[in-house]
Amino acid sequence: MSPPDLQVARLAARQHHCFARCQALEIGLSYRQIRHRVDVGRWTQLHDSVFCLAGAPIAALGHIHAAVLALPGSAASHGSALHLWGERDPAPRVAHVIRRHGRSHRLHGVHLHQTRLLPQHHVTVAQGVPVTTRARTVFDLAATTDLATLGRLIDRQVVAGSLRLDELELMLDEMVCPGRPGVGQFAAVLDQRVGHGPGVSMLEQRYRSLCERRSLPLGDPEARAPWATSGGPRSERVDFAHGRERVIVELDGRTYHARLEDFENDRRRDHLALAAGWRTVRFTWRQVTTDPDHVERILRSVLDVGA
């Protein structure tokens, strides 16, 4: 076996017996040499740009990995991600992969999901295959899974210690957008497990205490909205207003589902504040109670308060 063929064999062994054309080219084989190995039966073509060594046993993980290799920038997702995470056996008959919106591909045995939002921290590696994180996998499944099944999936992972509810909270905060598939179901399942959240008064007490401990200016509580005198309802209030800096602080103590339902109203208020020359800073219960350093850092920055 030639040195390049030996390198390909070693690569395939690490990748569930499959490899991509671009990887073979990097090893040093030419397009002609690659085509020759396919023509004489030494390699088997799985997809247009993905191969395996002839006779190699391609199991479910191999088909998932081959699909990811065939679609650059993609990661295993949905049921395929569950299989990689050990949550589903056997694997789905069709390999599921996800990537950002772009060209559509019709690959045999592959279901491509396209999304506008797939940041790098939503993708990791499991069993050597790029895959969506556990939290992102659960979110993606919310669009096609009933609430009871989704809840049981979350409960199993939380009990096993492989997923935390605060990770799901962060995922919702990142993915929340009216009309995005699965957001409503995901929010409803979180509400069932976390409860209806703290009241604004409790959150306000925590925020006041944080400001006092960190020597941060509190601002005017329950202040009239800056836009109220320019056409908006005069009864509209903001949680805290810093007049000199023209900064509004809003505290979000709502349930996840209510947060989703009020998304548009929050954007409207933020736009009105901006039009009136004010900036709005929003803090959630999780940020105030578990990440006070972040709250302090943001407040000192926007209020120009030294340490």
Protein backbone atom coordinates (compact mmCIF):
# COMPACT_ATOMS: atom_id res chain seq x y z
CA MET A 1 0.00 0.00 0.00
CA SER A 2 1.41 3.38 -1.02
CA PRO A 3 2.04 6.03 1.66
CA PRO A 4 -0.95 8.17 0.52
CA ASP A 5 -3.24 5.11 0.56
CA LEU A 6 -1.99 4.24 4.03
CA GLN A 7 -2.78 7.77 5.23
CA VAL A 8 -6.26 7.54 3.70
CA ALA A 9 -6.85 4.20 5.45
CA ARG A 10 -5.80 5.68 8.79
CA LEU A 11 -8.03 8.71 8.23
CA ALA A 12 -10.99 6.50 7.34
CA ALA A 13 -10.47 4.46 10.49
CA ARG A 14 -10.86 7.63 12.56
CA GLN A 15 -13.97 8.75 10.64
CA HIS A 16 -16.21 5.70 10.78
CA HIS A 17 -14.65 4.35 7.53
CA CYS A 18 -15.46 7.40 5.34
CA PHE A 19 -13.48 10.35 4.03
CA ALA A 20 -13.96 13.35 1.77
CA ARG A 21 -12.37 14.13 -1.59
CA CYS A 22 -10.83 17.31 -0.17
CA GLN A 23 -9.14 15.24 2.55
CA ALA A 24 -7.67 12.86 -0.03
CA LEU A 25 -6.41 15.86 -2.01
CA GLU A 26 -4.76 17.27 1.12
CA ILE A 27 -3.00 13.94 1.65
CA GLY A 28 -1.50 14.30 -1.82
CA LEU A 29 -3.69 12.32 -4.21
CA SER A 30 -4.76 13.98 -7.47
CA TYR A 31 -8.28 14.11 -8.93
CA ARG A 32 -7.19 11.53 -11.55
CA GLN A 33 -5.82 9.19 -8.87
CA ILE A 34 -9.03 9.51 -6.87
CA ARG A 35 -11.18 8.71 -9.92
CA HIS A 36 -8.96 5.74 -10.76
CA ARG A 37 -9.42 4.21 -7.29
CA VAL A 38 -13.19 4.51 -7.67
CA ASP A 39 -13.18 3.11 -11.22
CA VAL A 40 -11.15 0.01 -10.28
CA GLY A 41 -13.29 -0.65 -7.19
CA ARG A 42 -10.75 0.17 -4.48
CA TRP A 43 -12.97 2.96 -3.17
CA THR A 44 -16.76 3.12 -2.96
CA GLN A 45 -18.50 6.43 -3.58
CA LEU A 46 -21.04 7.24 -0.84
CA HIS A 47 -21.84 10.79 -2.02
CA ASP A 48 -20.49 12.98 -4.80
CA SER A 49 -17.43 13.97 -2.74
CA VAL A 50 -17.35 11.29 -0.02
CA PHE A 51 -15.92 7.78 -0.23
CA CYS A 52 -15.11 4.70 1.81
CA LEU A 53 -12.64 1.89 1.24
CA ALA A 54 -14.20 -0.98 -0.68
CA GLY A 55 -15.81 -3.50 1.64
CA ALA A 56 -15.69 -1.21 4.66
CA PRO A 57 -18.65 -1.79 7.01
CA ILE A 58 -20.54 1.52 7.01
CA ALA A 59 -22.83 1.55 10.04
CA ALA A 60 -25.21 4.32 11.17
CA LEU A 61 -22.40 6.52 12.50
CA GLY A 62 -20.60 6.18 9.17
CA HIS A 63 -23.63 7.37 7.22
CA ILE A 64 -24.05 10.33 9.58
CA HIS A 65 -20.38 11.26 9.31
CA ALA A 66 -20.49 10.87 5.52
CA ALA A 67 -23.44 13.27 5.33
CA VAL A 68 -21.58 15.88 7.38
CA LEU A 69 -18.49 15.49 5.18
CA ALA A 70 -20.61 15.85 2.03
CA LEU A 71 -22.06 19.17 3.19
CA PRO A 72 -19.26 21.51 4.32
CA GLY A 73 -20.17 23.64 7.32
CA SER A 74 -22.84 21.23 8.50
CA ALA A 75 -23.27 19.26 11.72
CA ALA A 76 -25.33 16.24 12.68
CA SER A 77 -28.66 17.35 14.14
CA HIS A 78 -32.11 16.26 15.26
CA GLY A 79 -32.44 12.47 15.51
CA SER A 80 -28.89 11.89 14.26
CA ALA A 81 -27.56 14.15 17.00
CA LEU A 82 -29.60 12.21 19.56
CA HIS A 83 -27.98 9.00 18.33
CA LEU A 84 -24.51 10.51 18.70
CA TRP A 85 -25.40 11.66 22.22
CA GLY A 86 -26.53 8.15 23.11
CA GLU A 87 -30.18 9.20 23.45
CA ARG A 88 -31.59 7.29 20.48
CA ASP A 89 -30.96 3.76 19.32
CA PRO A 90 -31.22 2.72 16.58
CA ALA A 91 -30.29 5.78 14.56
CA PRO A 92 -32.92 7.25 12.21
CA ARG A 93 -32.91 5.70 8.76
CA VAL A 94 -32.20 9.12 7.26
CA ALA A 95 -29.16 11.11 8.40
CA HIS A 96 -30.15 14.58 9.67
CA VAL A 97 -27.68 17.45 9.32
CA ILE A 98 -28.02 21.20 9.77
CA ARG A 99 -26.15 24.20 8.40
CA ARG A 100 -26.70 27.88 7.67
CA HIS A 101 -28.92 28.81 4.72
CA GLY A 102 -27.20 28.39 1.38
CA ARG A 103 -27.36 26.09 -1.60
CA SER A 104 -29.73 23.16 -1.26
CA HIS A 105 -28.39 19.66 -1.86
CA ARG A 106 -30.33 16.49 -2.58
CA LEU A 107 -28.26 13.68 -1.14
CA HIS A 108 -29.67 10.19 -0.96
CA GLY A 109 -30.49 9.24 2.62
CA VAL A 110 -29.80 12.73 3.99
CA HIS A 111 -32.24 15.32 5.37
CA LEU A 112 -30.67 18.77 5.27
CA HIS A 113 -32.07 21.36 7.70
CA GLN A 114 -31.14 24.97 6.94
CA THR A 115 -31.16 27.76 9.50
CA ARG A 116 -30.31 31.45 9.71
CA LEU A 117 -28.71 31.03 13.12
CA LEU A 118 -26.00 28.43 13.79
CA PRO A 119 -23.18 30.07 15.79
CA GLN A 120 -20.00 28.12 16.45
CA HIS A 121 -20.83 27.56 20.11
CA HIS A 122 -23.97 25.62 19.08
CA VAL A 123 -21.75 22.96 17.49
CA THR A 124 -19.37 20.53 19.17
CA VAL A 125 -17.95 17.05 18.46
CA ALA A 126 -19.35 13.72 19.67
CA GLN A 127 -17.81 10.38 18.71
CA GLY A 128 -15.62 12.22 16.23
CA VAL A 129 -18.53 13.82 14.35
CA PRO A 130 -19.45 17.54 14.32
CA VAL A 131 -22.84 17.71 16.03
CA THR A 132 -25.19 20.27 17.54
CA THR A 133 -24.82 20.68 21.30
CA ARG A 134 -27.31 18.93 23.54
CA ALA A 135 -29.17 22.18 24.20
CA ARG A 136 -29.36 23.11 20.50
CA THR A 137 -30.42 19.55 19.64
CA VAL A 138 -33.31 19.77 22.10
CA PHE A 139 -34.33 23.15 20.68
CA ASP A 140 -34.29 21.88 17.08
CA LEU A 141 -36.40 18.88 18.05
CA ALA A 142 -39.03 21.12 19.69
CA ALA A 143 -40.43 21.97 16.24
CA THR A 144 -41.26 18.33 15.43
CA THR A 145 -41.71 16.64 18.82
CA ASP A 146 -44.74 16.68 21.10
CA LEU A 147 -44.37 18.37 24.50
CA ALA A 148 -44.50 15.14 26.53
CA THR A 149 -41.74 13.47 24.52
CA LEU A 150 -39.62 16.62 24.55
CA GLY A 151 -40.10 16.93 28.31
CA ARG A 152 -39.03 13.33 28.92
CA LEU A 153 -35.92 13.87 26.78
CA ILE A 154 -34.96 16.93 28.82
CA ASP A 155 -35.68 15.19 32.13
CA ARG A 156 -33.49 12.20 31.25
CA GLN A 157 -30.53 14.40 30.37
CA VAL A 158 -30.94 16.66 33.40
CA VAL A 159 -31.18 13.69 35.77
CA ALA A 160 -28.10 12.13 34.13
CA GLY A 161 -26.20 15.39 34.60
CA SER A 162 -25.48 15.77 30.88
CA LEU A 163 -27.67 18.89 30.46
CA ARG A 164 -28.61 21.77 32.78
CA LEU A 165 -31.79 23.81 32.72
CA ASP A 166 -29.80 27.04 32.67
CA GLU A 167 -28.21 25.88 29.38
CA LEU A 168 -31.72 25.58 27.95
CA GLU A 169 -32.56 29.05 29.29
CA LEU A 170 -29.57 30.49 27.45
CA MET A 171 -30.56 28.65 24.29
CA LEU A 172 -34.05 30.14 24.41
CA ASP A 173 -32.62 33.62 24.98
CA GLU A 174 -30.46 33.21 21.87
CA MET A 175 -33.08 31.62 19.63
CA VAL A 176 -36.23 33.52 20.67
CA CYS A 177 -37.84 35.11 17.65
CA PRO A 178 -41.52 35.28 16.69
CA GLY A 179 -42.28 32.76 13.99
CA ARG A 180 -39.18 30.61 14.49
CA PRO A 181 -40.31 26.95 14.50
CA GLY A 182 -40.21 25.29 17.89
CA VAL A 183 -39.79 28.42 20.03
CA GLY A 184 -43.29 28.24 21.52
CA GLN A 185 -43.03 24.54 22.35
CA PHE A 186 -39.54 24.98 23.80
CA ALA A 187 -40.73 27.85 26.00
CA ALA A 188 -43.74 25.84 27.19
CA VAL A 189 -41.58 22.88 28.23
CA LEU A 190 -39.22 25.18 30.14
CA ASP A 191 -42.16 26.77 31.95
CA GLN A 192 -43.30 23.32 33.08
CA ARG A 193 -39.89 22.54 34.57
CA VAL A 194 -38.74 25.86 35.94
CA GLY A 195 -42.12 27.15 37.05
CA HIS A 196 -43.60 30.54 36.33
CA GLY A 197 -40.52 32.44 37.35
CA PRO A 198 -40.05 35.11 39.97
CA GLY A 199 -42.32 38.10 40.21
CA VAL A 200 -40.95 41.43 39.15
CA SER A 201 -40.92 42.59 42.78
CA MET A 202 -38.59 39.76 43.82
CA LEU A 203 -36.31 40.42 40.86
CA GLU A 204 -36.37 44.12 41.66
CA GLN A 205 -35.29 43.38 45.22
CA ARG A 206 -32.38 41.30 43.97
CA TYR A 207 -31.39 44.04 41.53
CA ARG A 208 -31.56 46.75 44.20
CA SER A 209 -29.43 44.62 46.51
CA LEU A 210 -26.88 44.02 43.75
CA CYS A 211 -26.59 47.75 43.03
CA GLU A 212 -26.16 48.50 46.73
CA ARG A 213 -23.47 45.85 47.22
CA ARG A 214 -21.55 46.93 44.13
CA SER A 215 -21.96 50.69 44.75
CA LEU A 216 -23.86 51.15 41.49
CA PRO A 217 -26.37 53.97 40.89
CA LEU A 218 -29.92 52.65 41.00
CA GLY A 219 -31.65 55.35 38.97
CA ASP A 220 -35.24 56.48 39.33
CA PRO A 221 -37.55 53.49 39.92
CA GLU A 222 -40.91 53.23 38.14
CA ALA A 223 -40.11 56.33 36.12
CA ARG A 224 -42.42 57.61 33.41
CA ALA A 225 -41.29 56.39 30.01
CA PRO A 226 -39.28 59.09 28.19
CA TRP A 227 -41.55 58.79 25.16
CA ALA A 228 -44.80 59.11 27.16
CA THR A 229 -45.03 62.86 26.53
CA SER A 230 -44.55 62.48 22.78
CA GLY A 231 -47.60 60.50 21.80
CA GLY A 232 -47.28 57.30 23.82
CA PRO A 233 -49.57 56.32 26.68
CA ARG A 234 -48.85 58.59 29.65
CA SER A 235 -49.20 55.62 32.00
CA GLU A 236 -46.24 53.75 30.50
CA ARG A 237 -43.42 53.22 32.97
CA VAL A 238 -39.87 51.89 32.89
CA ASP A 239 -38.24 49.96 35.74
CA PHE A 240 -35.32 52.36 36.29
CA ALA A 241 -34.31 55.53 34.47
CA HIS A 242 -30.92 57.25 34.60
CA GLY A 243 -31.73 60.75 33.40
CA ARG A 244 -28.23 62.20 33.11
CA GLU A 245 -26.95 59.25 31.07
CA ARG A 246 -30.31 58.76 29.30
CA VAL A 247 -30.25 55.03 30.03
CA ILE A 248 -33.23 52.82 30.87
CA VAL A 249 -32.84 49.58 32.83
CA GLU A 250 -35.60 46.99 32.36
CA LEU A 251 -35.85 43.81 34.44
CA ASP A 252 -37.37 40.72 32.83
CA GLY A 253 -39.02 38.56 35.48
CA ARG A 254 -41.57 37.01 33.14
CA THR A 255 -42.08 33.37 32.31
CA TYR A 256 -40.39 32.05 29.20
CA HIS A 257 -43.66 31.83 27.31
CA ALA A 258 -44.68 35.34 28.35
CA ARG A 259 -41.26 36.58 27.32
CA LEU A 260 -41.90 35.19 23.86
CA GLU A 261 -45.41 36.70 23.67
CA ASP A 262 -44.09 40.14 24.74
CA PHE A 263 -41.12 40.08 22.36
CA GLU A 264 -42.72 42.51 19.91
CA ASN A 265 -43.83 44.91 22.67
CA ASP A 266 -40.30 44.97 24.08
CA ARG A 267 -38.90 45.86 20.67
CA ARG A 268 -41.52 48.61 20.31
CA ARG A 269 -40.54 50.11 23.67
CA ASP A 270 -36.85 49.91 22.82
CA HIS A 271 -37.48 51.68 19.51
CA LEU A 272 -39.48 54.44 21.20
CA ALA A 273 -36.73 54.92 23.77
CA LEU A 274 -34.09 55.10 21.04
CA ALA A 275 -36.14 57.65 19.10
CA ALA A 276 -36.32 59.75 22.27
CA GLY A 277 -32.54 59.60 22.65
CA TRP A 278 -32.39 56.89 25.32
CA ARG A 279 -30.67 53.50 25.43
CA THR A 280 -32.32 50.45 26.98
CA VAL A 281 -30.46 47.76 28.93
CA ARG A 282 -32.38 44.59 29.81
CA PHE A 283 -31.43 42.09 32.53
CA THR A 284 -33.04 38.71 33.15
CA TRP A 285 -33.55 36.90 36.45
CA ARG A 286 -30.71 34.53 35.60
CA GLN A 287 -28.27 37.36 34.92
CA VAL A 288 -29.12 39.26 38.11
CA THR A 289 -29.01 36.20 40.36
CA THR A 290 -26.20 34.10 38.86
CA ASP A 291 -24.01 36.51 36.89
CA PRO A 292 -23.76 39.75 38.92
CA ASP A 293 -20.29 40.46 37.49
CA HIS A 294 -21.83 40.72 34.02
CA VAL A 295 -24.56 43.07 35.27
CA GLU A 296 -22.00 45.25 37.03
CA ARG A 297 -19.72 45.36 33.99
CA ILE A 298 -22.53 46.45 31.69
CA LEU A 299 -23.88 49.08 34.09
CA ARG A 300 -20.45 50.60 34.72
CA SER A 301 -19.92 50.80 30.97
CA VAL A 302 -23.24 52.37 29.95
CA LEU A 303 -23.40 54.66 33.01
CA ASP A 304 -19.69 55.56 32.79
CA VAL A 305 -19.15 54.64 36.45
CA GLY A 306 -15.60 53.81 37.50
CA ALA A 307 -14.75 50.71 39.51
